[in-house]
Amino acid sequence: MLSPGWSKNWAGMLELLIKDAANWDKSDSMFPFLRNFNPYSGHSYATGILNNEPHGNNQECSSESMNFSSALINWGTATGNKQITDLGVYLYSTEAISIQE
């Protein structure tokens, strides 16, 4: 927000990193949809949704996930990217309910 030139120069790379962690576009075959986030349980898994973990999936640290989601909201707002802002709001609000549960 304080350096618009920086965000214009690096937006493509940052959005690629965001898609690597939480791809919002189901038609994009480069990265899996939402990668580690499970919409049913409402939180992220550190080792992904499907794995060979004998004791079940490994729940991601909720504070890390909330920080990531709030960063998406900030980045989407600063760059005017409504899809990323909406993704961050969805992930943040869903994880917040999961934490309370």
PDB file of N, CA and C in Angstrom:
ATOM      1  N   MET A   1       0.821  -1.192   0.000  1.00  0.00           N
ATOM      2  CA  MET A   1       0.000   0.000   0.000  1.00  0.00           C
ATOM      3  C   MET A   1       0.867   1.259   0.000  1.00  0.00           C
ATOM      4  N   LEU A   2       2.028   1.165   0.635  1.00  0.00           N
ATOM      5  CA  LEU A   2       2.913   2.319   0.718  1.00  0.00           C
ATOM      6  C   LEU A   2       3.841   2.422  -0.482  1.00  0.00           C
ATOM      7  N   SER A   3       3.959   1.341  -1.223  1.00  0.00           N
ATOM      8  CA  SER A   3       4.863   1.335  -2.379  1.00  0.00           C
ATOM      9  C   SER A   3       4.180   0.637  -3.558  1.00  0.00           C
ATOM     10  N   PRO A   4       3.239   1.320  -4.228  1.00  0.00           N
ATOM     11  CA  PRO A   4       2.481   0.683  -5.306  1.00  0.00           C
ATOM     12  C   PRO A   4       3.358   0.113  -6.420  1.00  0.00           C
ATOM     13  N   GLY A   5       4.473   0.731  -6.706  1.00  0.00           N
ATOM     14  CA  GLY A   5       5.367   0.213  -7.734  1.00  0.00           C
ATOM     15  C   GLY A   5       5.896  -1.164  -7.389  1.00  0.00           C
ATOM     16  N   TRP A   6       6.199  -1.367  -6.116  1.00  0.00           N
ATOM     17  CA  TRP A   6       6.697  -2.673  -5.672  1.00  0.00           C
ATOM     18  C   TRP A   6       5.635  -3.739  -5.900  1.00  0.00           C
ATOM     19  N   SER A   7       4.414  -3.460  -5.528  1.00  0.00           N
ATOM     20  CA  SER A   7       3.364  -4.472  -5.672  1.00  0.00           C
ATOM     21  C   SER A   7       3.087  -4.783  -7.140  1.00  0.00           C
ATOM     22  N   LYS A   8       3.181  -3.781  -8.010  1.00  0.00           N
ATOM     23  CA  LYS A   8       2.974  -4.041  -9.439  1.00  0.00           C
ATOM     24  C   LYS A   8       4.082  -4.924  -9.995  1.00  0.00           C
ATOM     25  N   ASN A   9       5.313  -4.692  -9.555  1.00  0.00           N
ATOM     26  CA  ASN A   9       6.443  -5.488 -10.039  1.00  0.00           C
ATOM     27  C   ASN A   9       6.404  -6.930  -9.549  1.00  0.00           C
ATOM     28  N   TRP A  10       5.909  -7.148  -8.339  1.00  0.00           N
ATOM     29  CA  TRP A  10       5.976  -8.465  -7.719  1.00  0.00           C
ATOM     30  C   TRP A  10       4.624  -9.181  -7.610  1.00  0.00           C
ATOM     31  N   ALA A  11       3.555  -8.576  -8.081  1.00  0.00           N
ATOM     32  CA  ALA A  11       2.221  -9.174  -7.947  1.00  0.00           C
ATOM     33  C   ALA A  11       2.151 -10.570  -8.556  1.00  0.00           C
ATOM     34  N   GLY A  12       2.699 -10.755  -9.735  1.00  0.00           N
ATOM     35  CA  GLY A  12       2.644 -12.070 -10.385  1.00  0.00           C
ATOM     36  C   GLY A  12       3.306 -13.161  -9.575  1.00  0.00           C
ATOM     37  N   MET A  13       4.485 -12.863  -9.016  1.00  0.00           N
ATOM     38  CA  MET A  13       5.198 -13.857  -8.202  1.00  0.00           C
ATOM     39  C   MET A  13       4.445 -14.150  -6.907  1.00  0.00           C
ATOM     40  N   LEU A  14       3.964 -13.112  -6.245  1.00  0.00           N
ATOM     41  CA  LEU A  14       3.234 -13.329  -4.990  1.00  0.00           C
ATOM     42  C   LEU A  14       1.941 -14.098  -5.215  1.00  0.00           C
ATOM     43  N   GLU A  15       1.250 -13.810  -6.293  1.00  0.00           N
ATOM     44  CA  GLU A  15       0.011 -14.534  -6.564  1.00  0.00           C
ATOM     45  C   GLU A  15       0.289 -15.984  -6.947  1.00  0.00           C
ATOM     46  N   LEU A  16       1.433 -16.257  -7.542  1.00  0.00           N
ATOM     47  CA  LEU A  16       1.839 -17.634  -7.804  1.00  0.00           C
ATOM     48  C   LEU A  16       2.089 -18.366  -6.484  1.00  0.00           C
ATOM     49  N   LEU A  17       2.742 -17.710  -5.545  1.00  0.00           N
ATOM     50  CA  LEU A  17       2.964 -18.309  -4.223  1.00  0.00           C
ATOM     51  C   LEU A  17       1.643 -18.545  -3.491  1.00  0.00           C
ATOM     52  N   ILE A  18       0.725 -17.597  -3.617  1.00  0.00           N
ATOM     53  CA  ILE A  18      -0.586 -17.762  -2.988  1.00  0.00           C
ATOM     54  C   ILE A  18      -1.296 -18.968  -3.585  1.00  0.00           C
ATOM     55  N   LYS A  19      -1.258 -19.099  -4.906  1.00  0.00           N
ATOM     56  CA  LYS A  19      -1.907 -20.247  -5.539  1.00  0.00           C
ATOM     57  C   LYS A  19      -1.252 -21.562  -5.132  1.00  0.00           C
ATOM     58  N   ASP A  20       0.047 -21.541  -4.908  1.00  0.00           N
ATOM     59  CA  ASP A  20       0.727 -22.752  -4.452  1.00  0.00           C
ATOM     60  C   ASP A  20       0.183 -23.186  -3.093  1.00  0.00           C
ATOM     61  N   ALA A  21      -0.097 -22.236  -2.221  1.00  0.00           N
ATOM     62  CA  ALA A  21      -0.595 -22.549  -0.878  1.00  0.00           C
ATOM     63  C   ALA A  21      -2.109 -22.738  -0.834  1.00  0.00           C
ATOM     64  N   ALA A  22      -2.852 -21.964  -1.625  1.00  0.00           N
ATOM     65  CA  ALA A  22      -4.316 -22.022  -1.554  1.00  0.00           C
ATOM     66  C   ALA A  22      -4.928 -21.585  -2.877  1.00  0.00           C
ATOM     67  N   ASN A  23      -4.793 -22.413  -3.882  1.00  0.00           N
ATOM     68  CA  ASN A  23      -5.331 -22.081  -5.199  1.00  0.00           C
ATOM     69  C   ASN A  23      -6.846 -21.945  -5.126  1.00  0.00           C
ATOM     70  N   TRP A  24      -7.355 -20.808  -5.530  1.00  0.00           N
ATOM     71  CA  TRP A  24      -8.795 -20.537  -5.482  1.00  0.00           C
ATOM     72  C   TRP A  24      -9.486 -20.896  -6.796  1.00  0.00           C
ATOM     73  N   ASP A  25      -8.728 -21.177  -7.829  1.00  0.00           N
ATOM     74  CA  ASP A  25      -9.274 -21.386  -9.168  1.00  0.00           C
ATOM     75  C   ASP A  25      -9.318 -22.876  -9.494  1.00  0.00           C
ATOM     76  N   LYS A  26     -10.520 -23.454  -9.471  1.00  0.00           N
ATOM     77  CA  LYS A  26     -10.655 -24.887  -9.737  1.00  0.00           C
ATOM     78  C   LYS A  26     -10.261 -25.276 -11.156  1.00  0.00           C
ATOM     79  N   SER A  27     -10.293 -24.315 -12.077  1.00  0.00           N
ATOM     80  CA  SER A  27      -9.938 -24.630 -13.463  1.00  0.00           C
ATOM     81  C   SER A  27      -8.434 -24.545 -13.713  1.00  0.00           C
ATOM     82  N   ASP A  28      -7.676 -24.076 -12.730  1.00  0.00           N
ATOM     83  CA  ASP A  28      -6.221 -23.972 -12.846  1.00  0.00           C
ATOM     84  C   ASP A  28      -5.601 -25.301 -12.427  1.00  0.00           C
ATOM     85  N   SER A  29      -4.973 -25.985 -13.363  1.00  0.00           N
ATOM     86  CA  SER A  29      -4.416 -27.317 -13.067  1.00  0.00           C
ATOM     87  C   SER A  29      -2.974 -27.268 -12.559  1.00  0.00           C
ATOM     88  N   MET A  30      -2.409 -26.076 -12.408  1.00  0.00           N
ATOM     89  CA  MET A  30      -1.020 -25.973 -11.962  1.00  0.00           C
ATOM     90  C   MET A  30      -0.868 -26.352 -10.478  1.00  0.00           C
ATOM     91  N   PHE A  31      -1.855 -25.978  -9.662  1.00  0.00           N
ATOM     92  CA  PHE A  31      -1.830 -26.281  -8.228  1.00  0.00           C
ATOM     93  C   PHE A  31      -3.187 -26.836  -7.802  1.00  0.00           C
ATOM     94  N   PRO A  32      -3.217 -27.692  -6.774  1.00  0.00           N
ATOM     95  CA  PRO A  32      -4.491 -28.235  -6.316  1.00  0.00           C
ATOM     96  C   PRO A  32      -5.367 -27.163  -5.662  1.00  0.00           C
ATOM     97  N   PHE A  33      -6.668 -27.325  -5.778  1.00  0.00           N
ATOM     98  CA  PHE A  33      -7.629 -26.396  -5.192  1.00  0.00           C
ATOM     99  C   PHE A  33      -7.474 -26.383  -3.665  1.00  0.00           C
ATOM    100  N   LEU A  34      -7.218 -25.226  -3.115  1.00  0.00           N
ATOM    101  CA  LEU A  34      -7.063 -24.977  -1.671  1.00  0.00           C
ATOM    102  C   LEU A  34      -6.021 -25.867  -0.990  1.00  0.00           C
ATOM    103  N   ARG A  35      -5.243 -26.590  -1.711  1.00  0.00           N
ATOM    104  CA  ARG A  35      -4.181 -27.496  -1.270  1.00  0.00           C
ATOM    105  C   ARG A  35      -4.382 -28.128   0.116  1.00  0.00           C
ATOM    106  N   ASN A  36      -4.076 -27.420   1.193  1.00  0.00           N
ATOM    107  CA  ASN A  36      -4.094 -28.006   2.543  1.00  0.00           C
ATOM    108  C   ASN A  36      -5.343 -27.702   3.345  1.00  0.00           C
ATOM    109  N   PHE A  37      -6.239 -26.883   2.802  1.00  0.00           N
ATOM    110  CA  PHE A  37      -7.420 -26.468   3.557  1.00  0.00           C
ATOM    111  C   PHE A  37      -8.566 -27.433   3.304  1.00  0.00           C
ATOM    112  N   ASN A  38      -9.195 -27.874   4.371  1.00  0.00           N
ATOM    113  CA  ASN A  38     -10.333 -28.772   4.273  1.00  0.00           C
ATOM    114  C   ASN A  38     -11.607 -27.995   4.598  1.00  0.00           C
ATOM    115  N   PRO A  39     -12.421 -27.667   3.593  1.00  0.00           N
ATOM    116  CA  PRO A  39     -13.629 -26.888   3.853  1.00  0.00           C
ATOM    117  C   PRO A  39     -14.594 -27.575   4.824  1.00  0.00           C
ATOM    118  N   TYR A  40     -14.625 -28.910   4.832  1.00  0.00           N
ATOM    119  CA  TYR A  40     -15.535 -29.634   5.730  1.00  0.00           C
ATOM    120  C   TYR A  40     -15.145 -29.444   7.194  1.00  0.00           C
ATOM    121  N   SER A  41     -13.867 -29.627   7.499  1.00  0.00           N
ATOM    122  CA  SER A  41     -13.422 -29.487   8.884  1.00  0.00           C
ATOM    123  C   SER A  41     -13.135 -28.029   9.238  1.00  0.00           C
ATOM    124  N   GLY A  42     -12.928 -27.192   8.218  1.00  0.00           N
ATOM    125  CA  GLY A  42     -12.749 -25.763   8.454  1.00  0.00           C
ATOM    126  C   GLY A  42     -11.355 -25.351   8.875  1.00  0.00           C
ATOM    127  N   HIS A  43     -10.362 -26.207   8.626  1.00  0.00           N
ATOM    128  CA  HIS A  43      -8.989 -25.830   8.963  1.00  0.00           C
ATOM    129  C   HIS A  43      -8.014 -26.474   7.983  1.00  0.00           C
ATOM    130  N   SER A  44      -6.757 -26.071   8.094  1.00  0.00           N
ATOM    131  CA  SER A  44      -5.709 -26.576   7.201  1.00  0.00           C
ATOM    132  C   SER A  44      -5.021 -27.785   7.811  1.00  0.00           C
ATOM    133  N   TYR A  45      -4.431 -28.598   6.940  1.00  0.00           N
ATOM    134  CA  TYR A  45      -3.614 -29.729   7.354  1.00  0.00           C
ATOM    135  C   TYR A  45      -2.179 -29.489   6.918  1.00  0.00           C
ATOM    136  N   ALA A  46      -1.237 -29.694   7.821  1.00  0.00           N
ATOM    137  CA  ALA A  46       0.174 -29.443   7.511  1.00  0.00           C
ATOM    138  C   ALA A  46       0.698 -30.385   6.438  1.00  0.00           C
ATOM    139  N   THR A  47       0.189 -31.609   6.392  1.00  0.00           N
ATOM    140  CA  THR A  47       0.692 -32.587   5.437  1.00  0.00           C
ATOM    141  C   THR A  47      -0.281 -32.848   4.301  1.00  0.00           C
ATOM    142  N   GLY A  48      -1.219 -31.970   4.110  1.00  0.00           N
ATOM    143  CA  GLY A  48      -2.184 -32.122   3.033  1.00  0.00           C
ATOM    144  C   GLY A  48      -3.400 -32.913   3.467  1.00  0.00           C
ATOM    145  N   ILE A  49      -4.404 -32.902   2.622  1.00  0.00           N
ATOM    146  CA  ILE A  49      -5.665 -33.556   2.970  1.00  0.00           C
ATOM    147  C   ILE A  49      -5.560 -35.070   2.852  1.00  0.00           C
ATOM    148  N   LEU A  50      -4.911 -35.553   1.808  1.00  0.00           N
ATOM    149  CA  LEU A  50      -4.748 -36.994   1.617  1.00  0.00           C
ATOM    150  C   LEU A  50      -3.291 -37.356   1.837  1.00  0.00           C
ATOM    151  N   ASN A  51      -3.038 -38.229   2.781  1.00  0.00           N
ATOM    152  CA  ASN A  51      -1.670 -38.667   3.023  1.00  0.00           C
ATOM    153  C   ASN A  51      -1.666 -40.063   3.629  1.00  0.00           C
ATOM    154  N   ASN A  52      -0.499 -40.589   3.892  1.00  0.00           N
ATOM    155  CA  ASN A  52      -0.368 -41.931   4.467  1.00  0.00           C
ATOM    156  C   ASN A  52      -0.119 -41.896   5.968  1.00  0.00           C
ATOM    157  N   GLU A  53      -0.449 -40.793   6.598  1.00  0.00           N
ATOM    158  CA  GLU A  53      -0.247 -40.639   8.039  1.00  0.00           C
ATOM    159  C   GLU A  53      -1.108 -41.669   8.783  1.00  0.00           C
ATOM    160  N   PRO A  54      -0.503 -42.573   9.562  1.00  0.00           N
ATOM    161  CA  PRO A  54      -1.278 -43.626  10.209  1.00  0.00           C
ATOM    162  C   PRO A  54      -2.219 -43.112  11.311  1.00  0.00           C
ATOM    163  N   HIS A  55      -1.958 -41.932  11.842  1.00  0.00           N
ATOM    164  CA  HIS A  55      -2.771 -41.411  12.938  1.00  0.00           C
ATOM    165  C   HIS A  55      -3.698 -40.288  12.476  1.00  0.00           C
ATOM    166  N   GLY A  56      -3.970 -40.219  11.206  1.00  0.00           N
ATOM    167  CA  GLY A  56      -4.839 -39.173  10.679  1.00  0.00           C
ATOM    168  C   GLY A  56      -4.033 -38.004  10.162  1.00  0.00           C
ATOM    169  N   ASN A  57      -4.720 -37.051   9.595  1.00  0.00           N
ATOM    170  CA  ASN A  57      -4.059 -35.885   9.038  1.00  0.00           C
ATOM    171  C   ASN A  57      -3.556 -34.970  10.140  1.00  0.00           C
ATOM    172  N   ASN A  58      -2.508 -34.270   9.838  1.00  0.00           N
ATOM    173  CA  ASN A  58      -1.831 -33.385  10.771  1.00  0.00           C
ATOM    174  C   ASN A  58      -2.445 -31.986  10.661  1.00  0.00           C
ATOM    175  N   GLN A  59      -3.157 -31.535  11.708  1.00  0.00           N
ATOM    176  CA  GLN A  59      -3.772 -30.215  11.644  1.00  0.00           C
ATOM    177  C   GLN A  59      -2.707 -29.131  11.690  1.00  0.00           C
ATOM    178  N   GLU A  60      -2.829 -28.163  10.783  1.00  0.00           N
ATOM    179  CA  GLU A  60      -1.900 -27.033  10.731  1.00  0.00           C
ATOM    180  C   GLU A  60      -2.115 -26.151  11.950  1.00  0.00           C
ATOM    181  N   CYS A  61      -1.073 -25.466  12.360  1.00  0.00           N
ATOM    182  CA  CYS A  61      -1.162 -24.526  13.460  1.00  0.00           C
ATOM    183  C   CYS A  61      -2.179 -23.447  13.094  1.00  0.00           C
ATOM    184  N   SER A  62      -3.186 -23.274  13.916  1.00  0.00           N
ATOM    185  CA  SER A  62      -4.253 -22.329  13.580  1.00  0.00           C
ATOM    186  C   SER A  62      -3.746 -20.894  13.508  1.00  0.00           C
ATOM    187  N   SER A  63      -2.758 -20.534  14.322  1.00  0.00           N
ATOM    188  CA  SER A  63      -2.260 -19.152  14.272  1.00  0.00           C
ATOM    189  C   SER A  63      -1.544 -18.881  12.954  1.00  0.00           C
ATOM    190  N   GLU A  64      -0.816 -19.870  12.436  1.00  0.00           N
ATOM    191  CA  GLU A  64      -0.166 -19.704  11.134  1.00  0.00           C
ATOM    192  C   GLU A  64      -1.209 -19.563  10.029  1.00  0.00           C
ATOM    193  N   SER A  65      -2.234 -20.363  10.102  1.00  0.00           N
ATOM    194  CA  SER A  65      -3.275 -20.316   9.096  1.00  0.00           C
ATOM    195  C   SER A  65      -4.023 -18.984   9.132  1.00  0.00           C
ATOM    196  N   MET A  66      -4.320 -18.483  10.320  1.00  0.00           N
ATOM    197  CA  MET A  66      -5.010 -17.198  10.450  1.00  0.00           C
ATOM    198  C   MET A  66      -4.116 -16.066   9.936  1.00  0.00           C
ATOM    199  N   ASN A  67      -2.834 -16.152  10.197  1.00  0.00           N
ATOM    200  CA  ASN A  67      -1.899 -15.141   9.697  1.00  0.00           C
ATOM    201  C   ASN A  67      -1.860 -15.154   8.168  1.00  0.00           C
ATOM    202  N   PHE A  68      -1.822 -16.334   7.579  1.00  0.00           N
ATOM    203  CA  PHE A  68      -1.841 -16.451   6.121  1.00  0.00           C
ATOM    204  C   PHE A  68      -3.125 -15.847   5.559  1.00  0.00           C
ATOM    205  N   SER A  69      -4.255 -16.180   6.158  1.00  0.00           N
ATOM    206  CA  SER A  69      -5.539 -15.677   5.668  1.00  0.00           C
ATOM    207  C   SER A  69      -5.632 -14.163   5.774  1.00  0.00           C
ATOM    208  N   SER A  70      -5.170 -13.610   6.881  1.00  0.00           N
ATOM    209  CA  SER A  70      -5.209 -12.149   7.017  1.00  0.00           C
ATOM    210  C   SER A  70      -4.259 -11.487   6.025  1.00  0.00           C
ATOM    211  N   ALA A  71      -3.141 -12.138   5.703  1.00  0.00           N
ATOM    212  CA  ALA A  71      -2.227 -11.601   4.691  1.00  0.00           C
ATOM    213  C   ALA A  71      -2.895 -11.592   3.316  1.00  0.00           C
ATOM    214  N   LEU A  72      -3.696 -12.612   3.027  1.00  0.00           N
ATOM    215  CA  LEU A  72      -4.427 -12.630   1.760  1.00  0.00           C
ATOM    216  C   LEU A  72      -5.406 -11.467   1.687  1.00  0.00           C
ATOM    217  N   ILE A  73      -6.100 -11.203   2.785  1.00  0.00           N
ATOM    218  CA  ILE A  73      -7.037 -10.082   2.820  1.00  0.00           C
ATOM    219  C   ILE A  73      -6.288  -8.776   2.566  1.00  0.00           C
ATOM    220  N   ASN A  74      -5.167  -8.603   3.249  1.00  0.00           N
ATOM    221  CA  ASN A  74      -4.376  -7.374   3.073  1.00  0.00           C
ATOM    222  C   ASN A  74      -3.849  -7.241   1.648  1.00  0.00           C
ATOM    223  N   TRP A  75      -3.289  -8.321   1.090  1.00  0.00           N
ATOM    224  CA  TRP A  75      -2.725  -8.264  -0.254  1.00  0.00           C
ATOM    225  C   TRP A  75      -3.823  -8.012  -1.290  1.00  0.00           C
ATOM    226  N   GLY A  76      -4.921  -8.726  -1.173  1.00  0.00           N
ATOM    227  CA  GLY A  76      -6.018  -8.540  -2.115  1.00  0.00           C
ATOM    228  C   GLY A  76      -6.580  -7.130  -2.072  1.00  0.00           C
ATOM    229  N   THR A  77      -6.691  -6.580  -0.870  1.00  0.00           N
ATOM    230  CA  THR A  77      -7.186  -5.211  -0.714  1.00  0.00           C
ATOM    231  C   THR A  77      -6.200  -4.206  -1.295  1.00  0.00           C
ATOM    232  N   ALA A  78      -4.924  -4.384  -0.986  1.00  0.00           N
ATOM    233  CA  ALA A  78      -3.894  -3.441  -1.449  1.00  0.00           C
ATOM    234  C   ALA A  78      -3.751  -3.443  -2.962  1.00  0.00           C
ATOM    235  N   THR A  79      -3.976  -4.597  -3.597  1.00  0.00           N
ATOM    236  CA  THR A  79      -3.787  -4.693  -5.046  1.00  0.00           C
ATOM    237  C   THR A  79      -5.098  -4.636  -5.818  1.00  0.00           C
ATOM    238  N   GLY A  80      -6.214  -4.561  -5.114  1.00  0.00           N
ATOM    239  CA  GLY A  80      -7.508  -4.507  -5.785  1.00  0.00           C
ATOM    240  C   GLY A  80      -7.938  -5.835  -6.383  1.00  0.00           C
ATOM    241  N   ASN A  81      -7.404  -6.945  -5.856  1.00  0.00           N
ATOM    242  CA  ASN A  81      -7.747  -8.269  -6.361  1.00  0.00           C
ATOM    243  C   ASN A  81      -8.846  -8.860  -5.475  1.00  0.00           C
ATOM    244  N   LYS A  82     -10.098  -8.737  -5.923  1.00  0.00           N
ATOM    245  CA  LYS A  82     -11.251  -9.178  -5.138  1.00  0.00           C
ATOM    246  C   LYS A  82     -11.231 -10.686  -4.885  1.00  0.00           C
ATOM    247  N   GLN A  83     -10.741 -11.475  -5.849  1.00  0.00           N
ATOM    248  CA  GLN A  83     -10.690 -12.928  -5.658  1.00  0.00           C
ATOM    249  C   GLN A  83      -9.800 -13.305  -4.476  1.00  0.00           C
ATOM    250  N   ILE A  84      -8.653 -12.664  -4.371  1.00  0.00           N
ATOM    251  CA  ILE A  84      -7.743 -12.975  -3.266  1.00  0.00           C
ATOM    252  C   ILE A  84      -8.304 -12.445  -1.953  1.00  0.00           C
ATOM    253  N   THR A  85      -8.893 -11.258  -1.973  1.00  0.00           N
ATOM    254  CA  THR A  85      -9.523 -10.731  -0.757  1.00  0.00           C
ATOM    255  C   THR A  85     -10.619 -11.677  -0.287  1.00  0.00           C
ATOM    256  N   ASP A  86     -11.486 -12.095  -1.198  1.00  0.00           N
ATOM    257  CA  ASP A  86     -12.582 -13.006  -0.843  1.00  0.00           C
ATOM    258  C   ASP A  86     -12.063 -14.348  -0.341  1.00  0.00           C
ATOM    259  N   LEU A  87     -10.998 -14.853  -0.960  1.00  0.00           N
ATOM    260  CA  LEU A  87     -10.386 -16.099  -0.497  1.00  0.00           C
ATOM    261  C   LEU A  87      -9.910 -15.942   0.943  1.00  0.00           C
ATOM    262  N   GLY A  88      -9.208 -14.846   1.224  1.00  0.00           N
ATOM    263  CA  GLY A  88      -8.725 -14.600   2.582  1.00  0.00           C
ATOM    264  C   GLY A  88      -9.849 -14.497   3.588  1.00  0.00           C
ATOM    265  N   VAL A  89     -10.921 -13.801   3.230  1.00  0.00           N
ATOM    266  CA  VAL A  89     -12.077 -13.661   4.137  1.00  0.00           C
ATOM    267  C   VAL A  89     -12.708 -15.030   4.399  1.00  0.00           C
ATOM    268  N   TYR A  90     -12.869 -15.824   3.337  1.00  0.00           N
ATOM    269  CA  TYR A  90     -13.445 -17.166   3.498  1.00  0.00           C
ATOM    270  C   TYR A  90     -12.582 -18.030   4.410  1.00  0.00           C
ATOM    271  N   LEU A  91     -11.278 -18.090   4.118  1.00  0.00           N
ATOM    272  CA  LEU A  91     -10.383 -18.924   4.925  1.00  0.00           C
ATOM    273  C   LEU A  91     -10.329 -18.439   6.370  1.00  0.00           C
ATOM    274  N   TYR A  92     -10.246 -17.139   6.560  1.00  0.00           N
ATOM    275  CA  TYR A  92     -10.152 -16.566   7.910  1.00  0.00           C
ATOM    276  C   TYR A  92     -11.418 -16.857   8.719  1.00  0.00           C
ATOM    277  N   SER A  93     -12.568 -16.569   8.144  1.00  0.00           N
ATOM    278  CA  SER A  93     -13.815 -16.742   8.897  1.00  0.00           C
ATOM    279  C   SER A  93     -14.109 -18.214   9.163  1.00  0.00           C
ATOM    280  N   THR A  94     -13.789 -19.077   8.204  1.00  0.00           N
ATOM    281  CA  THR A  94     -14.032 -20.510   8.398  1.00  0.00           C
ATOM    282  C   THR A  94     -13.095 -21.082   9.455  1.00  0.00           C
ATOM    283  N   GLU A  95     -11.828 -20.699   9.402  1.00  0.00           N
ATOM    284  CA  GLU A  95     -10.861 -21.177  10.396  1.00  0.00           C
ATOM    285  C   GLU A  95     -11.208 -20.648  11.788  1.00  0.00           C
ATOM    286  N   ALA A  96     -11.699 -19.412  11.873  1.00  0.00           N
ATOM    287  CA  ALA A  96     -12.078 -18.843  13.169  1.00  0.00           C
ATOM    288  C   ALA A  96     -13.171 -19.684  13.841  1.00  0.00           C
ATOM    289  N   ILE A  97     -14.144 -20.111  13.061  1.00  0.00           N
ATOM    290  CA  ILE A  97     -15.212 -20.974  13.606  1.00  0.00           C
ATOM    291  C   ILE A  97     -14.633 -22.326  14.025  1.00  0.00           C
ATOM    292  N   SER A  98     -13.731 -22.863  13.209  1.00  0.00           N
ATOM    293  CA  SER A  98     -13.100 -24.144  13.528  1.00  0.00           C
ATOM    294  C   SER A  98     -12.306 -24.061  14.828  1.00  0.00           C
ATOM    295  N   ILE A  99     -11.607 -22.955  15.021  1.00  0.00           N
ATOM    296  CA  ILE A  99     -10.833 -22.768  16.257  1.00  0.00           C
ATOM    297  C   ILE A  99     -11.767 -22.761  17.464  1.00  0.00           C
ATOM    298  N   GLN A 100     -12.895 -22.083  17.333  1.00  0.00           N
ATOM    299  CA  GLN A 100     -13.850 -22.017  18.446  1.00  0.00           C
ATOM    300  C   GLN A 100     -14.407 -23.390  18.773  1.00  0.00           C
ATOM    301  N   GLU A 101     -14.598 -24.201  17.732  1.00  0.00           N
ATOM    302  CA  GLU A 101     -15.124 -25.552  17.947  1.00  0.00           C
ATOM    303  C   GLU A 101     -14.102 -26.411  18.671  1.00  0.00           C
TER     304      GLU A 101
END
